[in-house]
C-alpha atoms as a PDB file:
ATOM      1  CA  MET A   1      10.344 -14.470  27.602  1.00  0.00           C
ATOM      2  CA  ASN A   2       7.624 -16.432  29.352  1.00  0.00           C
ATOM      3  CA  ASP A   3       6.492 -17.901  26.039  1.00  0.00           C
ATOM      4  CA  GLU A   4      10.008 -19.070  25.213  1.00  0.00           C
ATOM      5  CA  ALA A   5      10.180 -20.628  28.668  1.00  0.00           C
ATOM      6  CA  GLY A   6       6.991 -22.570  28.000  1.00  0.00           C
ATOM      7  CA  VAL A   7       4.664 -20.533  30.214  1.00  0.00           C
ATOM      8  CA  ARG A   8       1.109 -20.458  28.884  1.00  0.00           C
ATOM      9  CA  VAL A   9      -0.303 -17.113  27.767  1.00  0.00           C
ATOM     10  CA  ASN A  10      -3.198 -17.145  30.236  1.00  0.00           C
ATOM     11  CA  LYS A  11      -0.778 -17.600  33.158  1.00  0.00           C
ATOM     12  CA  SER A  12       1.454 -14.827  31.861  1.00  0.00           C
ATOM     13  CA  TYR A  13      -1.530 -12.538  31.549  1.00  0.00           C
ATOM     14  CA  ARG A  14      -2.713 -13.272  35.085  1.00  0.00           C
ATOM     15  CA  SER A  15       0.733 -12.416  36.409  1.00  0.00           C
ATOM     16  CA  LEU A  16       0.586  -9.103  34.530  1.00  0.00           C
ATOM     17  CA  VAL A  17      -2.837  -8.406  36.021  1.00  0.00           C
ATOM     18  CA  ALA A  18      -1.493  -9.108  39.504  1.00  0.00           C
ATOM     19  CA  SER A  19       1.479  -6.802  38.933  1.00  0.00           C
ATOM     20  CA  ALA A  20      -0.824  -4.040  37.702  1.00  0.00           C
ATOM     21  CA  GLY A  21      -3.103  -4.353  40.733  1.00  0.00           C
ATOM     22  CA  GLY A  22      -6.169  -5.737  38.951  1.00  0.00           C
ATOM     23  CA  TYR A  23      -7.951  -5.930  35.606  1.00  0.00           C
ATOM     24  CA  ASP A  24      -9.166  -2.332  35.841  1.00  0.00           C
ATOM     25  CA  ASN A  25      -5.568  -1.148  35.579  1.00  0.00           C
ATOM     26  CA  MET A  26      -4.807  -3.112  32.405  1.00  0.00           C
ATOM     27  CA  GLU A  27      -4.634  -1.292  29.080  1.00  0.00           C
ATOM     28  CA  PHE A  28      -4.961  -4.516  27.027  1.00  0.00           C
ATOM     29  CA  ILE A  29      -6.793  -7.831  27.235  1.00  0.00           C
ATOM     30  CA  GLU A  30      -5.586 -11.431  27.077  1.00  0.00           C
ATOM     31  CA  ARG A  31      -6.388 -11.642  23.355  1.00  0.00           C
ATOM     32  CA  ASP A  32      -3.978  -8.758  22.697  1.00  0.00           C
ATOM     33  CA  VAL A  33      -1.259 -10.726  24.464  1.00  0.00           C
ATOM     34  CA  ARG A  34      -1.999 -13.815  22.378  1.00  0.00           C
ATOM     35  CA  ASN A  35      -1.858 -11.794  19.160  1.00  0.00           C
ATOM     36  CA  TYR A  36       1.403 -10.145  20.185  1.00  0.00           C
ATOM     37  CA  VAL A  37       3.075 -13.402  21.211  1.00  0.00           C
ATOM     38  CA  GLY A  38       1.917 -15.047  17.989  1.00  0.00           C
ATOM     39  CA  GLN A  39       3.381 -12.234  15.918  1.00  0.00           C
ATOM     40  CA  GLN A  40       6.680 -12.396  17.783  1.00  0.00           C
ATOM     41  CA  ARG A  41       6.854 -16.150  17.266  1.00  0.00           C
ATOM     42  CA  ARG A  42       6.554 -15.559  13.543  1.00  0.00           C
ATOM     43  CA  ALA A  43       9.174 -12.820  13.416  1.00  0.00           C
ATOM     44  CA  LEU A  44      12.210 -14.080  11.556  1.00  0.00           C
ATOM     45  CA  GLY A  45      15.248 -13.627  13.743  1.00  0.00           C
ATOM     46  CA  LYS A  46      16.398 -16.852  15.358  1.00  0.00           C
ATOM     47  CA  GLN A  47      19.190 -19.328  14.688  1.00  0.00           C
ATOM     48  CA  GLY A  48      20.900 -17.040  12.192  1.00  0.00           C
ATOM     49  CA  ASP A  49      18.095 -17.365   9.637  1.00  0.00           C
ATOM     50  CA  ALA A  50      17.615 -13.619   9.291  1.00  0.00           C
ATOM     51  CA  LYS A  51      21.329 -13.079   8.683  1.00  0.00           C
ATOM     52  CA  ALA A  52      21.379 -15.924   6.177  1.00  0.00           C
ATOM     53  CA  LEU A  53      18.422 -14.432   4.325  1.00  0.00           C
ATOM     54  CA  LEU A  54      20.028 -10.992   4.141  1.00  0.00           C
ATOM     55  CA  THR A  55      23.286 -12.529   2.951  1.00  0.00           C
ATOM     56  CA  HIS A  56      21.489 -14.532   0.266  1.00  0.00           C
ATOM     57  CA  PHE A  57      19.537 -11.538  -1.020  1.00  0.00           C
ATOM     58  CA  SER A  58      22.677  -9.388  -1.058  1.00  0.00           C
ATOM     59  CA  GLN A  59      24.490 -12.036  -3.078  1.00  0.00           C
ATOM     60  CA  MET A  60      21.593 -12.244  -5.521  1.00  0.00           C
ATOM     61  CA  SER A  61      21.695  -8.459  -5.949  1.00  0.00           C
ATOM     62  CA  GLU A  62      25.422  -8.608  -6.693  1.00  0.00           C
ATOM     63  CA  LEU A  63      24.867 -11.296  -9.312  1.00  0.00           C
ATOM     64  CA  ASN A  64      22.060  -9.384 -11.005  1.00  0.00           C
ATOM     65  CA  LYS A  65      21.351  -5.707 -10.442  1.00  0.00           C
ATOM     66  CA  TYR A  66      17.683  -6.245 -11.328  1.00  0.00           C
ATOM     67  CA  PHE A  67      17.089  -8.576  -8.394  1.00  0.00           C
ATOM     68  CA  TYR A  68      14.873  -6.681  -5.967  1.00  0.00           C
ATOM     69  CA  PHE A  69      14.153  -7.237  -2.303  1.00  0.00           C
ATOM     70  CA  ASP A  70      12.553  -5.296   0.509  1.00  0.00           C
ATOM     71  CA  ILE A  71      12.617  -6.170   4.220  1.00  0.00           C
ATOM     72  CA  ASP A  72      10.556  -4.742   7.074  1.00  0.00           C
ATOM     73  CA  ILE A  73      12.358  -4.745  10.445  1.00  0.00           C
ATOM     74  CA  ASP A  74      10.650  -4.374  13.819  1.00  0.00           C
ATOM     75  CA  GLU A  75      11.917  -2.359  16.783  1.00  0.00           C
ATOM     76  CA  ASP A  76      13.947  -5.350  17.979  1.00  0.00           C
ATOM     77  CA  SER A  77      15.761  -5.604  14.627  1.00  0.00           C
ATOM     78  CA  ARG A  78      13.916  -8.765  13.684  1.00  0.00           C
ATOM     79  CA  ILE A  79      12.560  -9.372  10.204  1.00  0.00           C
ATOM     80  CA  ARG A  80       8.796  -8.893  10.119  1.00  0.00           C
ATOM     81  CA  HIS A  81       7.945  -8.975   6.404  1.00  0.00           C
ATOM     82  CA  VAL A  82       9.919  -9.818   3.267  1.00  0.00           C
ATOM     83  CA  PHE A  83       9.355  -9.222  -0.446  1.00  0.00           C
ATOM     84  CA  TRP A  84      11.547 -10.265  -3.373  1.00  0.00           C
ATOM     85  CA  ALA A  85      11.462 -10.571  -7.160  1.00  0.00           C
ATOM     86  CA  ASP A  86      14.118 -11.604  -9.650  1.00  0.00           C
ATOM     87  CA  ALA A  87      14.914 -10.040 -13.022  1.00  0.00           C
ATOM     88  CA  ARG A  88      12.777 -12.509 -15.005  1.00  0.00           C
ATOM     89  CA  THR A  89       9.779 -11.844 -12.754  1.00  0.00           C
ATOM     90  CA  ARG A  90      10.113  -8.085 -13.147  1.00  0.00           C
ATOM     91  CA  ALA A  91      10.390  -8.384 -16.924  1.00  0.00           C
ATOM     92  CA  ALA A  92       7.369 -10.695 -17.090  1.00  0.00           C
ATOM     93  CA  CYS A  93       5.269  -8.258 -15.086  1.00  0.00           C
ATOM     94  CA  LYS A  94       5.640  -5.633 -17.829  1.00  0.00           C
ATOM     95  CA  TYR A  95       3.785  -7.931 -20.221  1.00  0.00           C
ATOM     96  CA  PHE A  96       1.564 -10.027 -17.966  1.00  0.00           C
ATOM     97  CA  GLY A  97       0.906  -7.836 -14.920  1.00  0.00           C
ATOM     98  CA  ASP A  98      -2.449  -6.419 -16.015  1.00  0.00           C
ATOM     99  CA  VAL A  99      -4.326  -8.931 -13.862  1.00  0.00           C
ATOM    100  CA  ILE A 100      -2.766 -10.667 -10.870  1.00  0.00           C
ATOM    101  CA  SER A 101      -3.872 -13.295  -8.390  1.00  0.00           C
ATOM    102  CA  PHE A 102      -2.785 -12.946  -4.767  1.00  0.00           C
ATOM    103  CA  ASP A 103      -3.181 -15.812  -2.319  1.00  0.00           C
ATOM    104  CA  THR A 104      -1.660 -16.536   1.107  1.00  0.00           C
ATOM    105  CA  THR A 105      -3.127 -20.032   1.563  1.00  0.00           C
ATOM    106  CA  TYR A 106      -0.407 -22.055  -0.170  1.00  0.00           C
ATOM    107  CA  LEU A 107       2.032 -22.785   2.649  1.00  0.00           C
ATOM    108  CA  THR A 108       3.955 -21.364   5.599  1.00  0.00           C
ATOM    109  CA  ASN A 109       7.576 -21.609   6.700  1.00  0.00           C
ATOM    110  CA  LYS A 110       8.793 -22.931  10.055  1.00  0.00           C
ATOM    111  CA  TYR A 111       7.944 -19.595  11.683  1.00  0.00           C
ATOM    112  CA  ASP A 112       4.322 -19.926  10.469  1.00  0.00           C
ATOM    113  CA  MET A 113       4.876 -16.952   8.165  1.00  0.00           C
ATOM    114  CA  PRO A 114       2.432 -17.250   5.234  1.00  0.00           C
ATOM    115  CA  PHE A 115       4.000 -17.392   1.784  1.00  0.00           C
ATOM    116  CA  ALA A 116       2.378 -14.675  -0.338  1.00  0.00           C
ATOM    117  CA  PRO A 117       2.957 -15.034  -4.092  1.00  0.00           C
ATOM    118  CA  PHE A 118       1.770 -12.630  -6.783  1.00  0.00           C
ATOM    119  CA  VAL A 119       0.729 -14.768  -9.760  1.00  0.00           C
ATOM    120  CA  GLY A 120      -0.085 -13.867 -13.363  1.00  0.00           C
ATOM    121  CA  VAL A 121      -0.892 -15.797 -16.526  1.00  0.00           C
ATOM    122  CA  ASN A 122       1.299 -15.623 -19.634  1.00  0.00           C
ATOM    123  CA  HIS A 123       0.360 -15.850 -23.330  1.00  0.00           C
ATOM    124  CA  HIS A 124       0.521 -19.662 -23.150  1.00  0.00           C
ATOM    125  CA  GLY A 125      -2.065 -19.765 -20.373  1.00  0.00           C
ATOM    126  CA  GLN A 126       0.583 -20.762 -17.838  1.00  0.00           C
ATOM    127  CA  SER A 127       0.841 -19.415 -14.304  1.00  0.00           C
ATOM    128  CA  ILE A 128       3.873 -17.200 -13.775  1.00  0.00           C
ATOM    129  CA  LEU A 129       5.325 -15.786 -10.588  1.00  0.00           C
ATOM    130  CA  LEU A 130       5.287 -11.985 -10.337  1.00  0.00           C
ATOM    131  CA  GLY A 131       6.854 -11.583  -6.909  1.00  0.00           C
ATOM    132  CA  CYS A 132       6.926 -13.320  -3.524  1.00  0.00           C
ATOM    133  CA  GLY A 133       6.487 -12.323   0.077  1.00  0.00           C
ATOM    134  CA  LEU A 134       6.603 -13.660   3.621  1.00  0.00           C
ATOM    135  CA  LEU A 135       4.393 -12.035   6.247  1.00  0.00           C
ATOM    136  CA  SER A 136       4.471 -12.229  10.030  1.00  0.00           C
ATOM    137  CA  SER A 137       0.770 -11.324  10.208  1.00  0.00           C
ATOM    138  CA  GLU A 138      -2.191 -11.019   7.852  1.00  0.00           C
ATOM    139  CA  ASP A 139      -3.622  -7.658   8.823  1.00  0.00           C
ATOM    140  CA  THR A 140      -4.246  -4.562   6.736  1.00  0.00           C
ATOM    141  CA  SER A 141      -0.938  -2.857   7.559  1.00  0.00           C
ATOM    142  CA  SER A 142       1.034  -5.974   6.584  1.00  0.00           C
ATOM    143  CA  PHE A 143      -0.710  -6.237   3.220  1.00  0.00           C
ATOM    144  CA  VAL A 144      -0.275  -2.500   2.636  1.00  0.00           C
ATOM    145  CA  TRP A 145       3.469  -2.873   3.200  1.00  0.00           C
ATOM    146  CA  LEU A 146       3.685  -5.851   0.828  1.00  0.00           C
ATOM    147  CA  PHE A 147       1.585  -4.260  -1.926  1.00  0.00           C
ATOM    148  CA  GLN A 148       3.612  -1.043  -1.722  1.00  0.00           C
ATOM    149  CA  SER A 149       6.838  -3.057  -2.007  1.00  0.00           C
ATOM    150  CA  TRP A 150       5.483  -4.879  -5.057  1.00  0.00           C
ATOM    151  CA  LEU A 151       4.400  -1.585  -6.621  1.00  0.00           C
ATOM    152  CA  ARG A 152       7.839   0.002  -6.147  1.00  0.00           C
ATOM    153  CA  CYS A 153       9.476  -3.075  -7.623  1.00  0.00           C
ATOM    154  CA  MET A 154       7.238  -2.965 -10.698  1.00  0.00           C
ATOM    155  CA  SER A 155       8.024   0.672 -11.562  1.00  0.00           C
ATOM    156  CA  ASN A 156       4.882   1.939  -9.822  1.00  0.00           C
ATOM    157  CA  LYS A 157       2.618   0.313 -12.408  1.00  0.00           C
ATOM    158  CA  PRO A 158      -0.423  -1.030 -10.540  1.00  0.00           C
ATOM    159  CA  PRO A 159      -2.471  -3.950 -11.869  1.00  0.00           C
ATOM    160  CA  GLU A 160      -5.749  -3.272 -13.644  1.00  0.00           C
ATOM    161  CA  GLY A 161      -7.352  -6.187 -11.833  1.00  0.00           C
ATOM    162  CA  ILE A 162      -6.531  -8.300  -8.792  1.00  0.00           C
ATOM    163  CA  VAL A 163      -8.051 -11.602  -7.637  1.00  0.00           C
ATOM    164  CA  THR A 164      -8.001 -12.625  -3.959  1.00  0.00           C
ATOM    165  CA  ASP A 165      -9.988 -14.639  -1.458  1.00  0.00           C
ATOM    166  CA  GLN A 166     -12.549 -12.925   0.793  1.00  0.00           C
ATOM    167  CA  CYS A 167     -10.019 -11.543   3.286  1.00  0.00           C
ATOM    168  CA  LYS A 168     -11.216  -8.140   4.512  1.00  0.00           C
ATOM    169  CA  ALA A 169      -7.667  -7.016   5.375  1.00  0.00           C
ATOM    170  CA  MET A 170      -6.603  -7.658   1.767  1.00  0.00           C
ATOM    171  CA  GLN A 171      -9.589  -5.684   0.515  1.00  0.00           C
ATOM    172  CA  ASN A 172      -8.684  -2.731   2.743  1.00  0.00           C
ATOM    173  CA  ALA A 173      -5.058  -2.810   1.564  1.00  0.00           C
ATOM    174  CA  ILE A 174      -6.062  -3.013  -2.104  1.00  0.00           C
ATOM    175  CA  GLU A 175      -8.314   0.024  -1.725  1.00  0.00           C
ATOM    176  CA  CYS A 176      -5.370   1.883  -0.159  1.00  0.00           C
ATOM    177  CA  VAL A 177      -2.530   0.876  -2.504  1.00  0.00           C
ATOM    178  CA  PHE A 178      -4.376  -0.019  -5.744  1.00  0.00           C
ATOM    179  CA  PRO A 179      -7.418   2.294  -5.538  1.00  0.00           C
ATOM    180  CA  ASN A 180      -8.185   2.117  -9.266  1.00  0.00           C
ATOM    181  CA  ALA A 181      -7.785  -1.638  -9.665  1.00  0.00           C
ATOM    182  CA  ARG A 182     -10.785  -3.896 -10.170  1.00  0.00           C
ATOM    183  CA  HIS A 183     -10.917  -6.300  -7.243  1.00  0.00           C
ATOM    184  CA  ARG A 184     -12.743  -9.584  -7.461  1.00  0.00           C
ATOM    185  CA  TRP A 185     -12.956 -12.661  -5.280  1.00  0.00           C
ATOM    186  CA  CYS A 186     -11.758 -16.016  -6.544  1.00  0.00           C
ATOM    187  CA  LEU A 187     -14.885 -17.965  -7.509  1.00  0.00           C
ATOM    188  CA  TRP A 188     -13.174 -21.294  -6.860  1.00  0.00           C
ATOM    189  CA  HIS A 189     -12.406 -20.328  -3.260  1.00  0.00           C
ATOM    190  CA  ILE A 190     -16.050 -19.432  -2.712  1.00  0.00           C
ATOM    191  CA  MET A 191     -17.642 -22.471  -4.339  1.00  0.00           C
ATOM    192  CA  LYS A 192     -15.382 -24.946  -2.531  1.00  0.00           C
ATOM    193  CA  LYS A 193     -16.860 -23.671   0.761  1.00  0.00           C
ATOM    194  CA  ILE A 194     -20.355 -24.916  -0.136  1.00  0.00           C
ATOM    195  CA  PRO A 195     -20.002 -28.256   1.724  1.00  0.00           C
ATOM    196  CA  GLU A 196     -18.707 -26.522   4.855  1.00  0.00           C
ATOM    197  CA  LYS A 197     -21.450 -23.896   4.864  1.00  0.00           C
ATOM    198  CA  LEU A 198     -24.476 -25.834   3.629  1.00  0.00           C
ATOM    199  CA  GLN A 199     -23.963 -29.548   4.253  1.00  0.00           C
ATOM    200  CA  ARG A 200     -26.040 -29.511   7.444  1.00  0.00           C
ATOM    201  CA  PHE A 201     -29.235 -29.004   5.428  1.00  0.00           C
ATOM    202  CA  GLY A 202     -31.283 -32.092   4.639  1.00  0.00           C
ATOM    203  CA  GLN A 203     -31.641 -31.075   0.980  1.00  0.00           C
ATOM    204  CA  TYR A 204     -27.930 -30.330   0.650  1.00  0.00           C
ATOM    205  CA  LYS A 205     -27.433 -32.059  -2.721  1.00  0.00           C
ATOM    206  CA  ASP A 206     -30.346 -30.163  -4.274  1.00  0.00           C
ATOM    207  CA  ILE A 207     -29.177 -26.882  -2.697  1.00  0.00           C
ATOM    208  CA  LYS A 208     -25.645 -27.352  -4.026  1.00  0.00           C
ATOM    209  CA  HIS A 209     -26.911 -28.224  -7.509  1.00  0.00           C
ATOM    210  CA  MET A 210     -29.230 -25.224  -7.709  1.00  0.00           C
ATOM    211  CA  MET A 211     -26.628 -22.792  -6.360  1.00  0.00           C
ATOM    212  CA  ASN A 212     -24.135 -23.985  -8.976  1.00  0.00           C
ATOM    213  CA  ASN A 213     -26.706 -23.475 -11.710  1.00  0.00           C
ATOM    214  CA  VAL A 214     -27.617 -19.995 -10.510  1.00  0.00           C
ATOM    215  CA  VAL A 215     -23.976 -18.889 -10.323  1.00  0.00           C
ATOM    216  CA  TYR A 216     -22.592 -20.499 -13.463  1.00  0.00           C
ATOM    217  CA  GLU A 217     -25.596 -20.475 -15.801  1.00  0.00           C
ATOM    218  CA  SER A 218     -26.950 -16.948 -15.249  1.00  0.00           C
ATOM    219  CA  SER A 219     -25.981 -14.995 -18.362  1.00  0.00           C
ATOM    220  CA  THR A 220     -27.255 -11.590 -17.218  1.00  0.00           C
ATOM    221  CA  VAL A 221     -27.494  -9.669 -13.960  1.00  0.00           C
ATOM    222  CA  VAL A 222     -31.298  -9.640 -14.168  1.00  0.00           C
ATOM    223  CA  GLU A 223     -31.375 -13.404 -14.623  1.00  0.00           C
ATOM    224  CA  PHE A 224     -29.040 -13.942 -11.675  1.00  0.00           C
ATOM    225  CA  GLU A 225     -31.101 -11.690  -9.388  1.00  0.00           C
ATOM    226  CA  SER A 226     -34.287 -13.584 -10.254  1.00  0.00           C
ATOM    227  CA  GLU A 227     -32.782 -17.069  -9.972  1.00  0.00           C
ATOM    228  CA  TRP A 228     -30.980 -16.264  -6.718  1.00  0.00           C
ATOM    229  CA  ASP A 229     -34.226 -15.040  -5.197  1.00  0.00           C
ATOM    230  CA  ASN A 230     -35.936 -18.272  -6.289  1.00  0.00           C
ATOM    231  CA  PHE A 231     -33.069 -20.294  -4.826  1.00  0.00           C
ATOM    232  CA  ILE A 232     -33.182 -18.543  -1.438  1.00  0.00           C
ATOM    233  CA  THR A 233     -36.973 -18.731  -1.228  1.00  0.00           C
ATOM    234  CA  LYS A 234     -37.251 -22.378  -2.298  1.00  0.00           C
ATOM    235  CA  TYR A 235     -34.903 -23.632   0.430  1.00  0.00           C
ATOM    236  CA  ASP A 236     -35.796 -21.018   3.067  1.00  0.00           C
ATOM    237  CA  LEU A 237     -32.257 -19.609   3.254  1.00  0.00           C
ATOM    238  CA  THR A 238     -33.139 -15.967   3.877  1.00  0.00           C
ATOM    239  CA  ASN A 239     -31.395 -15.871   7.254  1.00  0.00           C
ATOM    240  CA  HIS A 240     -28.257 -17.729   6.213  1.00  0.00           C
ATOM    241  CA  ASP A 241     -25.415 -15.290   7.008  1.00  0.00           C
ATOM    242  CA  TRP A 242     -22.881 -16.712   4.548  1.00  0.00           C
ATOM    243  CA  LEU A 243     -25.271 -16.579   1.604  1.00  0.00           C
ATOM    244  CA  ARG A 244     -26.554 -13.146   2.590  1.00  0.00           C
ATOM    245  CA  ASN A 245     -23.009 -11.756   2.745  1.00  0.00           C
ATOM    246  CA  LEU A 246     -22.180 -13.325  -0.610  1.00  0.00           C
ATOM    247  CA  TYR A 247     -25.220 -11.721  -2.178  1.00  0.00           C
ATOM    248  CA  ASP A 248     -24.314  -8.305  -0.752  1.00  0.00           C
ATOM    249  CA  GLU A 249     -20.910  -8.575  -2.454  1.00  0.00           C
ATOM    250  CA  ARG A 250     -22.162 -10.322  -5.638  1.00  0.00           C
ATOM    251  CA  HIS A 251     -20.434  -7.776  -7.881  1.00  0.00           C
ATOM    252  CA  ARG A 252     -17.086  -9.154  -6.651  1.00  0.00           C
ATOM    253  CA  TRP A 253     -17.522 -12.802  -7.624  1.00  0.00           C
ATOM    254  CA  VAL A 254     -20.580 -13.695  -9.752  1.00  0.00           C
ATOM    255  CA  PRO A 255     -19.420 -14.184 -13.381  1.00  0.00           C
ATOM    256  CA  CYS A 256     -22.264 -12.257 -15.042  1.00  0.00           C
ATOM    257  CA  PHE A 257     -21.344  -9.142 -13.024  1.00  0.00           C
ATOM    258  CA  LEU A 258     -17.716  -9.327 -14.154  1.00  0.00           C
ATOM    259  CA  LYS A 259     -17.786 -10.364 -17.803  1.00  0.00           C
ATOM    260  CA  GLN A 260     -17.620  -6.785 -19.107  1.00  0.00           C
ATOM    261  CA  HIS A 261     -14.017  -6.532 -17.855  1.00  0.00           C
ATOM    262  CA  PHE A 262     -10.824  -8.264 -18.949  1.00  0.00           C
ATOM    263  CA  TRP A 263      -9.850 -11.145 -16.662  1.00  0.00           C
ATOM    264  CA  LEU A 264      -7.929 -14.360 -17.169  1.00  0.00           C
ATOM    265  CA  GLU A 265      -8.306 -18.108 -17.382  1.00  0.00           C
ATOM    266  CA  CYS A 266      -6.239 -19.033 -14.329  1.00  0.00           C
ATOM    267  CA  PRO A 267      -4.997 -22.672 -14.194  1.00  0.00           C
ATOM    268  CA  LEU A 268      -4.412 -22.327 -10.437  1.00  0.00           C
ATOM    269  CA  HIS A 269      -8.155 -22.262  -9.938  1.00  0.00           C
ATOM    270  CA  LYS A 270      -9.065 -25.359 -11.925  1.00  0.00           C
ATOM    271  CA  GLY A 271     -10.366 -23.600 -14.986  1.00  0.00           C
ATOM    272  CA  VAL A 272     -12.532 -21.116 -13.110  1.00  0.00           C
ATOM    273  CA  LYS A 273     -12.221 -17.643 -14.554  1.00  0.00           C
ATOM    274  CA  ALA A 274      -9.993 -15.690 -12.227  1.00  0.00           C
END
């Protein structure tokens, strides 16, 4: 109520502290309040939008019995998460659902709910939609709900492989819902972070060039291990957290670690194997 009235979260929290008789009596911190308010802002339930969405999905189901939708409602009867897939999408998944790409970075709606598409690649090398979702938050439980909805929709046939960014919540949900699926990180997402992570170094251009060579040109695991060690040593990058974390998870993204499995050429990722 305070948020809708324009009261800042820190002021609301201080008033709660005063009402409780001090910080020692609080069972949550200001960050918890911010997270809660943010989630409630994103819940779909204002201006008749939720009713309109339900009406639209119901009409689609009447027009085609194979249209599928699933909606998660919170305790205040507001829409929290949504998943839907039409008949063509469900049919396509039978043929092209072996490997899917899942990404929540495309866009958001007016409630700041991330759009979460499941994408595959057909026999023409074209990207095809294999289901869509809207999420009020990007935590493990939200992804678990969405992945379970997708799995029910697709006759409980999990993918053999799934490609995502480096989101830990996604990884946790995949291990829970698709425990036997191969999970890899999108190489394009990783390599486009190089300027952000390494541009502060004086030899940035040389570092970028060598890292690209090590990642893309290493044909075997042994070769990669050797060249990566040379790369780290040459530019004194041993203590660089981002590179160290990447190396620890190298089996999830370096091409030579993944070539023994079936993946796809994904046009969404500019020709990078996904």
